[in-house]
Structure formats: structure tokens, C-alpha cells
Amino acid sequence: MTVSALKKKILIVVMDGLGDRGCKELGGLTPLQATDTPNLDWFTRNGIAGTCDTVDIGIRPGSDTSHLSILGYDPLEVYTGRGPFEAAGIGLIGRRGDVAFRCNFSTCDEGMSITDRRAGRIDKPDTTELVRALAGIRIDGVEAIVKESTEHRAALILRGPGLSPEVTDVDSHDNGPLNRSKGLTPEAEFTAGVLNEFVRESYERLRDHPVNTRRAAEGLPPANIIVPRGAGSFPDIQPFPEKHGLKAACVAGVGMIKGICGVCGLDVIDLPDDCTGGCSSNFISKARAAMRTLEEYDFVLMNVKAPDVCGHDFDPLRKCEVVRRLDEMAGHIRESFRDDMVIVFTADHSTPCSLGDHSGDPVPIAVYTPGNVRDDAVTFSESGCTHGRIGRIRGKQIVPMCMDLADRAEKFGA
């Protein structure tokens, strides 16, 4: 058998926002600790385990910076803001000089003060209709291009001369008055002014839109304003296949995750409609798609968004139910697992239900391939994985570790 025939395939399952802190509703346990997870525990018991700070100790990572790190990049070197990844993930590809933003469809009052950042988690086809009303906006020679993403999310590209990504967010990340964007440099003041005018124009065009008139009649929050954040220019990143020598793909439903992977050179796999939601997503259907993809590719990153949604919604009981479904998904992977695979179960960050936002807590990680050296970890949880031989690592160390377990690592030295 040749050396190349021995090389294994790699599957990294990222359970978005899975990590947590002790919840009073669960008697001080985390949702992972409070839920029976026989399949995730099997991979932990038969593999190696540890904890992971996806960016670094004490840093509260975004899903964008953490996924960059999990893919083996240093986000401190390549990260240019979340907006470009969100835009790329939904097919809104920028040009040199463009500035991209991540946006929410939100609800505001007559004073343009936010009352619901997610407009009742509005989704397609309503957002598609609203985006049509935003076509053709030009401000001081700058074209504003908007495209809807999943649920309440959207992306914005500003295209024109003299633009800079060095501007502050309009989104205050909470209900209440919006921020006015400001330039972080004198050269960026023009861009900040254009952005503020775009937000005002979005309100003028959306407040009386038929979609919002209907939503108000149904007792639903109207999506009457676009709120941008995460400005960035499109980054110059060495493609993942070139960096690691792997034919790589991404299986994800969230536009921003698909955008990160696409910008990094991974092929983004089209998914069935039942795989693209948050908590309503069919986890097993997504796992099937990942396993099918792995037949053609050397490396697959699979993202499951649902646990992050529960954390942001302060809902530990629903997060426990999501954990149970994730374990069923792990059971399907276990049943279809092949000996020529290395599999990783981890999270991109913690989203504690007590905070409703990301934290800097390390996340559990379990890695399994036949023949690995078993350790003392037996349960997949924030505490259970601390007994494993991996120890406490950084996200950017995951791919090199998997490359070695997959017999793909290059020898260093003689």
C-alpha cells in the first residue's frame, strides 16, 4: 500500500456557541453537563479530548474570527471585519476598494430608536421583498448594494471612490438609540457619512412597505430599518487547499460561515432547505450531506448554528434539547464512520445562556480516529474534556493536529 493510500480524510464538526456556564435553571450545570450525550461521549471516551481557546485565552471570539482560527489562520493577521465574509457567503462578492458590512433587518420607532434588533427574526421571502425596495440607492457617488442572508441578517457593500473600512458600527448591539457611525481616521469620515445616510434612507424606504404593513397587522415587528456593523475590506488570504494541500469543502447554512470558507478557498456545498435554519435545521440531514461530501473531498468543515441561537435567547432548556439532537446527529456520524477518517467535535466559542452573548470561556474538543491513544476523558462537556491528553490548545492548532492524525503532516527535520 502506498503512503498516499494511507492518508485519512478530516471532518471538523463545529457546534456553534455550544460552550456555556453553569445555569441556575439546570441546578448549576451547563446544558452539556445536564444532558445525556451517549454518542458524543463515545467519541470522547474512544478518542482524545481537551479544551480549546479558539483565538486565545480570555478573548471573546466572534464566529468569524474563531472559524478563521479553526481553519488554521491567525485572525490577528488576516481578519478585516465580519462584513466581507457575510457578503461573500451570500454571493455578494466585493471588488478592490469596496467596503462590506454585516447588517440586521431591525425594528425601530419613529425616532429611529431600535425596539427589536432582529425584527422578530424575520426571514425570507419577506426579506427578499424588502431588499428589492432598497435597490438603486446612491449617496454622494457611492452605490449601496444590499442582499438578504438567513433570517434577519443581510449584507451591505458600499462601492465608489474614497471609501475606507475604518468606521464605527451603527448597530449599538442592543435596543435603544442607534450609534452614528464615525470615522476612525480623517479619511474615513466620508464613509461614515455615507453609511449614516444609507441607514436613514433605508428607514424612509421600508417604514411603509407593504410587507411591514402586513406584519404590523399580524402583530409582528416590522423590519423597517437596516442596521450595519462589522465594516471591512475583502481580505487577501492564502487559499486553504494551497496552505494545507487538501481538497476542502464547507457544509453550513449560515451566510457568514459560508463566506469565511469561500474566501478561504473551500468549496461551499449547496444544502437542502431543511439544513439551512437555526434551531429548526435538520441536523441529521446536514450530517448526511457532510459525509457524502467527504467521499469527494479530503477535508470538510461542518457548522451547526442552533446552540448559539439558544444562548443568545437566554434559553438553557431549549439548548439542552438542541444538545440532545446534536448527540443524535453524532450517532448518525458514528454509524456511518469509516476507518479512513479523523473527526473533530468542538465549538467555535461559548455562548452562555446567562449572558446572551459570546464569552471567552474555552470550549470542549474531542478528536477520534481508529488507533489513537485513548486518554482519561469519558464525557463530552466543558469539564469532562479537561481530563483529556490534548490539554488546552488554540483553534489554529486543530488542523495541524488533524493533519498528523490523518498521516498527512510533513516531517520537520531529518
Protein backbone atom coordinates (compact mmCIF):
# COMPACT_ATOMS: atom_id res chain seq x y z
CA MET A 1 0.00 0.00 0.00
CA THR A 2 1.41 3.42 -0.93
CA VAL A 3 1.82 6.24 1.57
CA SER A 4 -0.86 8.31 -0.22
CA ALA A 5 -3.37 5.47 0.18
CA LEU A 6 -2.92 5.64 3.96
CA LYS A 7 -3.89 9.29 4.21
CA LYS A 8 -7.14 9.87 6.06
CA LYS A 9 -9.92 12.36 5.49
CA ILE A 10 -10.76 15.04 8.07
CA LEU A 11 -14.20 16.16 9.28
CA ILE A 12 -14.46 19.06 11.76
CA VAL A 13 -17.93 19.48 13.29
CA VAL A 14 -18.33 22.98 14.76
CA MET A 15 -21.33 23.22 17.07
CA ASP A 16 -21.74 26.98 17.11
CA GLY A 17 -21.89 28.59 20.57
CA LEU A 18 -22.10 25.19 22.30
CA GLY A 19 -19.98 26.08 25.33
CA ASP A 20 -21.77 27.53 28.36
CA ARG A 21 -21.53 28.37 32.05
CA GLY A 22 -23.48 26.96 34.97
CA CYS A 23 -27.21 27.71 34.60
CA LYS A 24 -29.39 28.17 37.67
CA GLU A 25 -32.30 26.60 35.75
CA LEU A 26 -30.16 23.44 35.44
CA GLY A 27 -29.01 23.29 39.05
CA GLY A 28 -25.70 24.98 38.27
CA LEU A 29 -24.83 22.68 35.35
CA THR A 30 -24.21 23.63 31.74
CA PRO A 31 -26.58 22.27 29.05
CA LEU A 32 -23.84 19.79 28.03
CA GLN A 33 -23.44 18.61 31.63
CA ALA A 34 -27.19 18.38 32.17
CA THR A 35 -27.98 16.36 29.02
CA ASP A 36 -27.32 12.69 28.31
CA THR A 37 -24.98 12.51 25.27
CA PRO A 38 -24.06 8.84 24.72
CA ASN A 39 -22.72 9.32 21.19
CA LEU A 40 -20.60 12.41 21.83
CA ASP A 41 -19.36 10.61 24.95
CA TRP A 42 -18.43 7.57 22.84
CA PHE A 43 -16.22 9.67 20.57
CA THR A 44 -14.70 11.30 23.66
CA ARG A 45 -14.12 8.02 25.52
CA ASN A 46 -12.56 6.34 22.49
CA GLY A 47 -10.65 9.36 21.25
CA ILE A 48 -8.60 12.18 22.71
CA ALA A 49 -10.03 15.30 24.32
CA GLY A 50 -9.23 18.70 25.75
CA THR A 51 -10.37 22.30 25.69
CA CYS A 52 -9.82 25.00 23.10
CA ASP A 53 -9.50 28.77 23.19
CA THR A 54 -10.31 29.38 19.57
CA VAL A 55 -8.46 32.70 19.38
CA ASP A 56 -6.61 32.98 22.70
CA ILE A 57 -7.18 32.78 26.45
CA GLY A 58 -9.74 35.31 27.64
CA ILE A 59 -10.61 36.61 24.17
CA ARG A 60 -14.33 36.68 23.37
CA PRO A 61 -14.24 35.44 19.77
CA GLY A 62 -16.77 36.15 17.08
CA SER A 63 -17.92 33.30 14.90
CA ASP A 64 -15.86 34.80 12.09
CA THR A 65 -12.52 35.07 13.93
CA SER A 66 -13.00 31.68 15.60
CA HIS A 67 -13.72 29.90 12.30
CA LEU A 68 -10.68 31.52 10.71
CA SER A 69 -8.62 30.16 13.58
CA ILE A 70 -10.18 26.69 13.37
CA LEU A 71 -9.20 26.67 9.68
CA GLY A 72 -5.60 27.28 10.69
CA TYR A 73 -5.29 31.04 10.13
CA ASP A 74 -4.20 33.68 12.63
CA PRO A 75 -7.17 36.07 12.78
CA LEU A 76 -4.91 38.77 14.21
CA GLU A 77 -3.14 38.76 10.85
CA VAL A 78 -5.91 38.17 8.29
CA TYR A 79 -9.15 39.45 9.82
CA THR A 80 -10.53 42.58 8.16
CA GLY A 81 -14.03 42.63 9.67
CA ARG A 82 -17.11 40.42 9.55
CA GLY A 83 -18.87 42.25 6.75
CA PRO A 84 -16.81 40.85 3.85
CA PHE A 85 -17.41 37.26 4.99
CA GLU A 86 -21.15 37.78 5.41
CA ALA A 87 -21.33 39.32 1.94
CA ALA A 88 -19.25 36.59 0.28
CA GLY A 89 -21.33 33.88 1.93
CA ILE A 90 -24.47 35.00 0.14
CA GLY A 91 -22.77 35.61 -3.20
CA LEU A 92 -22.15 39.33 -2.79
CA ILE A 93 -18.55 39.43 -3.98
CA GLY A 94 -16.64 42.65 -3.47
CA ARG A 95 -14.09 44.46 -5.60
CA ARG A 96 -10.93 46.27 -4.63
CA GLY A 97 -11.97 49.45 -2.80
CA ASP A 98 -15.39 48.14 -1.73
CA VAL A 99 -16.36 48.23 1.94
CA ALA A 100 -18.67 45.49 3.22
CA PHE A 101 -20.89 45.37 6.31
CA ARG A 102 -22.89 42.79 8.17
CA CYS A 103 -26.44 44.04 8.77
CA ASN A 104 -29.66 43.27 10.59
CA PHE A 105 -33.19 43.93 9.49
CA SER A 106 -34.40 45.62 12.69
CA THR A 107 -37.45 47.32 14.14
CA CYS A 108 -37.28 50.97 15.17
CA ASP A 109 -39.74 53.60 16.39
CA GLU A 110 -40.42 56.98 14.75
CA GLY A 111 -37.28 58.39 16.36
CA MET A 112 -35.21 55.60 14.77
CA SER A 113 -34.56 54.03 18.16
CA ILE A 114 -34.31 50.22 17.99
CA THR A 115 -37.04 48.19 19.68
CA ASP A 116 -36.16 44.75 18.22
CA ARG A 117 -32.67 44.14 16.76
CA ARG A 118 -33.89 41.09 14.79
CA ALA A 119 -37.36 42.27 13.75
CA GLY A 120 -38.96 39.18 15.25
CA ARG A 121 -36.37 37.02 13.44
CA ILE A 122 -37.95 37.92 10.12
CA ASP A 123 -36.90 35.61 7.27
CA LYS A 124 -37.39 35.04 3.55
CA PRO A 125 -39.49 35.69 1.49
CA ASP A 126 -40.26 38.89 3.44
CA THR A 127 -36.61 40.00 3.49
CA THR A 128 -36.33 39.34 -0.26
CA GLU A 129 -39.21 41.72 -0.90
CA LEU A 130 -37.72 44.37 1.38
CA VAL A 131 -34.32 44.19 -0.34
CA ARG A 132 -35.97 44.97 -3.67
CA ALA A 133 -37.14 48.28 -2.20
CA LEU A 134 -33.52 49.19 -1.41
CA ALA A 135 -32.26 48.84 -4.97
CA GLY A 136 -30.66 51.84 -6.64
CA ILE A 137 -29.54 53.79 -3.56
CA ARG A 138 -26.67 56.15 -4.42
CA ILE A 139 -25.21 58.60 -1.92
CA ASP A 140 -22.54 61.14 -2.93
CA GLY A 141 -21.43 58.96 -5.82
CA VAL A 142 -21.40 55.76 -3.74
CA GLU A 143 -23.58 52.79 -4.67
CA ALA A 144 -25.20 50.84 -1.83
CA ILE A 145 -25.84 47.16 -2.62
CA VAL A 146 -27.90 45.08 -0.17
CA LYS A 147 -28.57 41.35 -0.22
CA GLU A 148 -30.58 39.26 2.25
CA SER A 149 -28.95 36.39 4.15
CA THR A 150 -30.54 33.90 6.57
CA GLU A 151 -33.28 35.01 8.98
CA HIS A 152 -32.94 38.70 9.91
CA ARG A 153 -29.41 39.02 8.51
CA ALA A 154 -28.25 40.88 5.43
CA ALA A 155 -25.05 42.23 3.89
CA LEU A 156 -24.23 45.66 2.52
CA ILE A 157 -21.50 46.71 0.12
CA LEU A 158 -20.61 50.35 -0.44
CA ARG A 159 -18.96 50.83 -3.84
CA GLY A 160 -17.39 54.05 -5.01
CA PRO A 161 -14.33 56.30 -4.75
CA GLY A 162 -12.69 57.36 -1.49
CA LEU A 163 -14.12 54.69 0.83
CA SER A 164 -12.50 53.33 3.98
CA PRO A 165 -13.40 50.44 6.34
CA GLU A 166 -12.16 52.46 9.35
CA VAL A 167 -15.63 53.39 10.60
CA THR A 168 -17.56 52.57 13.76
CA ASP A 169 -20.75 50.49 13.86
CA VAL A 170 -24.21 52.00 13.56
CA ASP A 171 -25.51 48.97 15.46
CA SER A 172 -25.28 49.56 19.22
CA HIS A 173 -25.80 45.78 19.75
CA ASP A 174 -28.77 46.50 22.00
CA ASN A 175 -32.21 48.06 21.89
CA GLY A 176 -32.27 51.82 22.12
CA PRO A 177 -30.80 54.71 20.11
CA LEU A 178 -28.62 53.87 17.14
CA ASN A 179 -24.99 54.92 17.05
CA ARG A 180 -23.95 57.43 14.45
CA SER A 181 -21.05 55.95 12.56
CA LYS A 182 -17.82 57.89 12.92
CA GLY A 183 -14.58 57.74 11.00
CA LEU A 184 -11.67 56.31 12.96
CA THR A 185 -9.37 58.33 10.71
CA PRO A 186 -9.96 61.65 8.95
CA GLU A 187 -10.03 59.82 5.61
CA ALA A 188 -12.89 57.62 6.84
CA GLU A 189 -15.27 60.46 7.76
CA PHE A 190 -16.71 60.43 4.22
CA THR A 191 -17.56 56.72 4.50
CA ALA A 192 -19.17 57.23 7.92
CA GLY A 193 -21.35 59.99 6.48
CA VAL A 194 -22.44 57.79 3.58
CA LEU A 195 -23.25 54.94 5.97
CA ASN A 196 -25.37 57.15 8.24
CA GLU A 197 -27.28 58.49 5.24
CA PHE A 198 -27.86 54.93 3.97
CA VAL A 199 -29.40 53.94 7.31
CA ARG A 200 -31.74 56.94 7.19
CA GLU A 201 -32.69 56.15 3.58
CA SER A 202 -33.39 52.50 4.47
CA TYR A 203 -35.90 53.67 7.07
CA GLU A 204 -37.58 56.03 4.60
CA ARG A 205 -37.98 53.24 2.06
CA LEU A 206 -39.01 50.43 4.44
CA ARG A 207 -41.26 52.02 7.07
CA ASP A 208 -44.41 51.98 4.89
CA HIS A 209 -43.51 48.96 2.77
CA PRO A 210 -46.45 46.53 2.20
CA VAL A 211 -44.52 43.73 3.91
CA ASN A 212 -44.26 45.81 7.07
CA THR A 213 -47.85 46.98 6.85
CA ARG A 214 -48.91 43.33 6.78
CA ARG A 215 -46.56 42.36 9.61
CA ALA A 216 -47.89 45.14 11.81
CA ALA A 217 -51.46 43.99 11.12
CA GLU A 218 -50.45 40.48 12.16
CA GLY A 219 -48.87 41.74 15.38
CA LEU A 220 -45.33 41.12 14.14
CA PRO A 221 -42.45 43.59 14.45
CA PRO A 222 -41.90 45.47 11.17
CA ALA A 223 -38.44 45.26 9.59
CA ASN A 224 -38.31 48.98 8.92
CA ILE A 225 -34.59 49.75 9.06
CA ILE A 226 -31.21 48.25 8.07
CA VAL A 227 -28.56 48.44 10.80
CA PRO A 228 -24.91 47.84 9.70
CA ARG A 229 -21.85 46.73 11.67
CA GLY A 230 -18.52 44.97 11.11
CA ALA A 231 -17.04 47.10 8.33
CA GLY A 232 -14.22 45.53 6.41
CA SER A 233 -12.42 45.33 3.11
CA PHE A 234 -12.06 41.99 1.36
CA PRO A 235 -9.01 40.17 2.82
CA ASP A 236 -6.03 38.71 1.00
CA ILE A 237 -5.89 35.14 2.33
CA GLN A 238 -3.78 32.19 1.18
CA PRO A 239 -6.32 29.58 -0.01
CA PHE A 240 -6.85 26.69 2.40
CA PRO A 241 -6.21 24.00 -0.26
CA GLU A 242 -2.88 25.64 -1.08
CA LYS A 243 -1.97 26.21 2.56
CA HIS A 244 -2.69 22.64 3.68
CA GLY A 245 -2.63 20.62 0.47
CA LEU A 246 -6.21 19.43 0.93
CA LYS A 247 -9.26 19.42 -1.31
CA ALA A 248 -11.65 21.16 1.09
CA ALA A 249 -15.34 21.95 1.41
CA CYS A 250 -17.76 23.64 3.78
CA VAL A 251 -21.20 22.36 4.87
CA ALA A 252 -23.04 25.24 6.55
CA GLY A 253 -26.32 27.12 6.37
CA VAL A 254 -25.28 30.49 7.79
CA GLY A 255 -24.14 33.01 5.18
CA MET A 256 -21.28 34.40 7.23
CA ILE A 257 -19.77 30.92 7.80
CA LYS A 258 -20.10 30.10 4.11
CA GLY A 259 -18.47 33.43 3.35
CA ILE A 260 -15.47 32.74 5.57
CA CYS A 261 -14.98 29.33 3.99
CA GLY A 262 -15.48 30.68 0.48
CA VAL A 263 -12.95 33.48 0.97
CA CYS A 264 -10.53 30.86 2.36
CA GLY A 265 -10.90 28.77 -0.79
CA LEU A 266 -13.17 25.99 0.47
CA ASP A 267 -15.94 24.85 -1.87
CA VAL A 268 -19.33 25.74 -0.37
CA ILE A 269 -21.78 22.86 -0.71
CA ASP A 270 -25.43 23.53 -1.54
CA LEU A 271 -27.70 22.12 1.15
CA PRO A 272 -31.34 21.00 1.23
CA ASP A 273 -33.76 23.60 2.59
CA ASP A 274 -34.17 21.67 5.85
CA CYS A 275 -30.45 22.20 6.65
CA THR A 276 -30.30 25.97 6.45
CA GLY A 277 -32.26 27.07 9.52
CA GLY A 278 -31.16 27.65 13.11
CA CYS A 279 -32.92 25.56 15.74
CA SER A 280 -35.31 24.26 13.07
CA SER A 281 -32.46 22.83 10.98
CA ASN A 282 -32.35 19.08 10.36
CA PHE A 283 -29.04 18.14 11.96
CA ILE A 284 -29.00 14.58 10.65
CA SER A 285 -29.70 15.76 7.10
CA LYS A 286 -26.75 18.14 7.42
CA ALA A 287 -24.56 15.31 8.75
CA ARG A 288 -25.55 13.16 5.77
CA ALA A 289 -24.54 15.99 3.46
CA ALA A 290 -21.17 16.27 5.23
CA MET A 291 -20.49 12.54 5.00
CA ARG A 292 -21.41 12.50 1.31
CA THR A 293 -19.14 15.46 0.70
CA LEU A 294 -16.28 13.67 2.44
CA GLU A 295 -16.42 10.95 -0.21
CA GLU A 296 -15.14 13.50 -2.75
CA TYR A 297 -13.09 15.82 -0.53
CA ASP A 298 -10.13 15.42 1.84
CA PHE A 299 -11.43 17.95 4.37
CA VAL A 300 -14.90 19.11 5.38
CA LEU A 301 -15.87 21.76 7.92
CA MET A 302 -19.47 21.43 9.08
CA ASN A 303 -21.21 24.14 11.11
CA VAL A 304 -24.40 23.72 13.16
CA LYS A 305 -25.77 27.09 14.29
CA ALA A 306 -28.57 26.11 16.69
CA PRO A 307 -26.86 26.08 20.11
CA ASP A 308 -25.65 29.65 19.56
CA VAL A 309 -29.22 30.79 18.94
CA CYS A 310 -30.34 29.32 22.27
CA GLY A 311 -27.52 31.03 24.11
CA HIS A 312 -28.37 34.41 22.58
CA ASP A 313 -32.01 33.83 23.55
CA PHE A 314 -31.13 33.12 27.25
CA ASP A 315 -32.80 29.71 26.91
CA PRO A 316 -30.89 26.86 28.64
CA LEU A 317 -33.80 24.40 28.45
CA ARG A 318 -34.03 24.72 24.68
CA LYS A 319 -30.24 24.48 24.50
CA CYS A 320 -30.47 21.13 26.33
CA GLU A 321 -32.92 19.94 23.68
CA VAL A 322 -30.53 21.11 20.95
CA VAL A 323 -27.69 19.22 22.67
CA ARG A 324 -29.83 16.07 22.65
CA ARG A 325 -30.43 16.47 18.91
CA LEU A 326 -26.74 17.13 18.32
CA ASP A 327 -25.98 13.85 20.05
CA GLU A 328 -28.44 12.08 17.73
CA MET A 329 -26.53 13.67 14.85
CA ALA A 330 -23.28 12.36 16.32
CA GLY A 331 -24.93 8.94 16.47
CA HIS A 332 -25.61 9.07 12.73
CA ILE A 333 -21.98 10.02 12.09
CA ARG A 334 -20.86 7.18 14.34
CA GLU A 335 -22.94 4.68 12.37
CA SER A 336 -21.53 5.84 9.02
CA PHE A 337 -17.98 6.47 10.24
CA ARG A 338 -15.16 4.92 8.22
CA ASP A 339 -11.71 3.91 9.40
CA ASP A 340 -10.08 6.32 6.93
CA MET A 341 -11.41 9.36 8.81
CA VAL A 342 -10.35 11.77 11.53
CA ILE A 343 -13.30 13.52 13.19
CA VAL A 344 -13.36 16.54 15.49
CA PHE A 345 -16.31 17.65 17.62
CA THR A 346 -15.91 21.14 19.05
CA ALA A 347 -17.40 24.65 19.17
CA ASP A 348 -16.29 27.98 17.82
CA HIS A 349 -16.98 29.78 21.10
CA SER A 350 -19.13 29.67 24.22
CA THR A 351 -22.47 31.47 24.27
CA PRO A 352 -23.61 31.23 27.91
CA CYS A 353 -27.35 31.42 28.38
CA SER A 354 -26.75 33.62 31.42
CA LEU A 355 -25.04 36.24 29.22
CA GLY A 356 -26.93 36.00 25.94
CA ASP A 357 -23.65 36.66 24.13
CA HIS A 358 -20.24 35.15 23.42
CA SER A 359 -17.74 34.68 26.23
CA GLY A 360 -14.03 33.90 26.43
CA ASP A 361 -14.60 30.52 28.10
CA PRO A 362 -12.73 27.62 26.46
CA VAL A 363 -14.83 25.09 24.56
CA PRO A 364 -14.67 21.28 24.67
CA ILE A 365 -12.94 19.38 21.88
CA ALA A 366 -12.88 15.66 21.15
CA VAL A 367 -10.92 14.04 18.30
CA TYR A 368 -11.35 10.44 17.17
CA THR A 369 -9.67 8.21 14.64
CA PRO A 370 -9.08 4.46 14.93
CA GLY A 371 -5.82 3.68 16.68
CA ASN A 372 -5.45 6.94 18.57
CA VAL A 373 -4.08 6.80 22.13
CA ARG A 374 -7.07 6.92 24.47
CA ASP A 375 -6.98 9.22 27.48
CA ASP A 376 -8.94 9.69 30.71
CA ALA A 377 -11.78 11.82 29.28
CA VAL A 378 -15.10 9.96 29.13
CA THR A 379 -17.77 12.67 28.77
CA PHE A 380 -18.12 15.45 26.22
CA SER A 381 -18.58 18.62 28.25
CA GLU A 382 -16.74 21.73 29.36
CA SER A 383 -15.42 19.87 32.42
CA GLY A 384 -15.33 16.31 31.09
CA CYS A 385 -12.94 17.11 28.26
CA THR A 386 -10.40 18.67 30.66
CA HIS A 387 -9.31 15.13 31.56
CA GLY A 388 -8.01 14.53 28.03
CA ARG A 389 -4.44 14.47 26.76
CA ILE A 390 -4.93 17.31 24.27
CA GLY A 391 -4.84 19.79 27.14
CA ARG A 392 -5.74 23.41 26.42
CA ILE A 393 -4.99 24.44 22.84
CA ARG A 394 -5.72 27.27 20.40
CA GLY A 395 -8.05 26.98 17.45
CA LYS A 396 -5.29 27.41 14.90
CA GLN A 397 -3.65 24.21 16.24
CA ILE A 398 -6.63 21.99 15.34
CA VAL A 399 -5.85 21.50 11.64
CA PRO A 400 -2.12 20.70 12.22
CA MET A 401 -3.13 18.17 14.88
CA CYS A 402 -5.61 16.57 12.48
CA MET A 403 -3.07 16.55 9.67
CA ASP A 404 -0.76 14.46 11.85
CA LEU A 405 -3.52 12.05 12.89
CA ALA A 406 -4.52 11.77 9.21
CA ASP A 407 -0.91 10.87 8.29
CA ARG A 408 -0.68 13.96 6.12
CA ALA A 409 1.83 16.05 8.11
CA GLU A 410 5.24 16.80 6.60
CA LYS A 411 8.26 15.68 8.62
CA PHE A 412 10.16 18.53 10.28
CA GLY A 413 13.87 17.75 10.14
CA ALA A 414 15.78 14.66 9.06
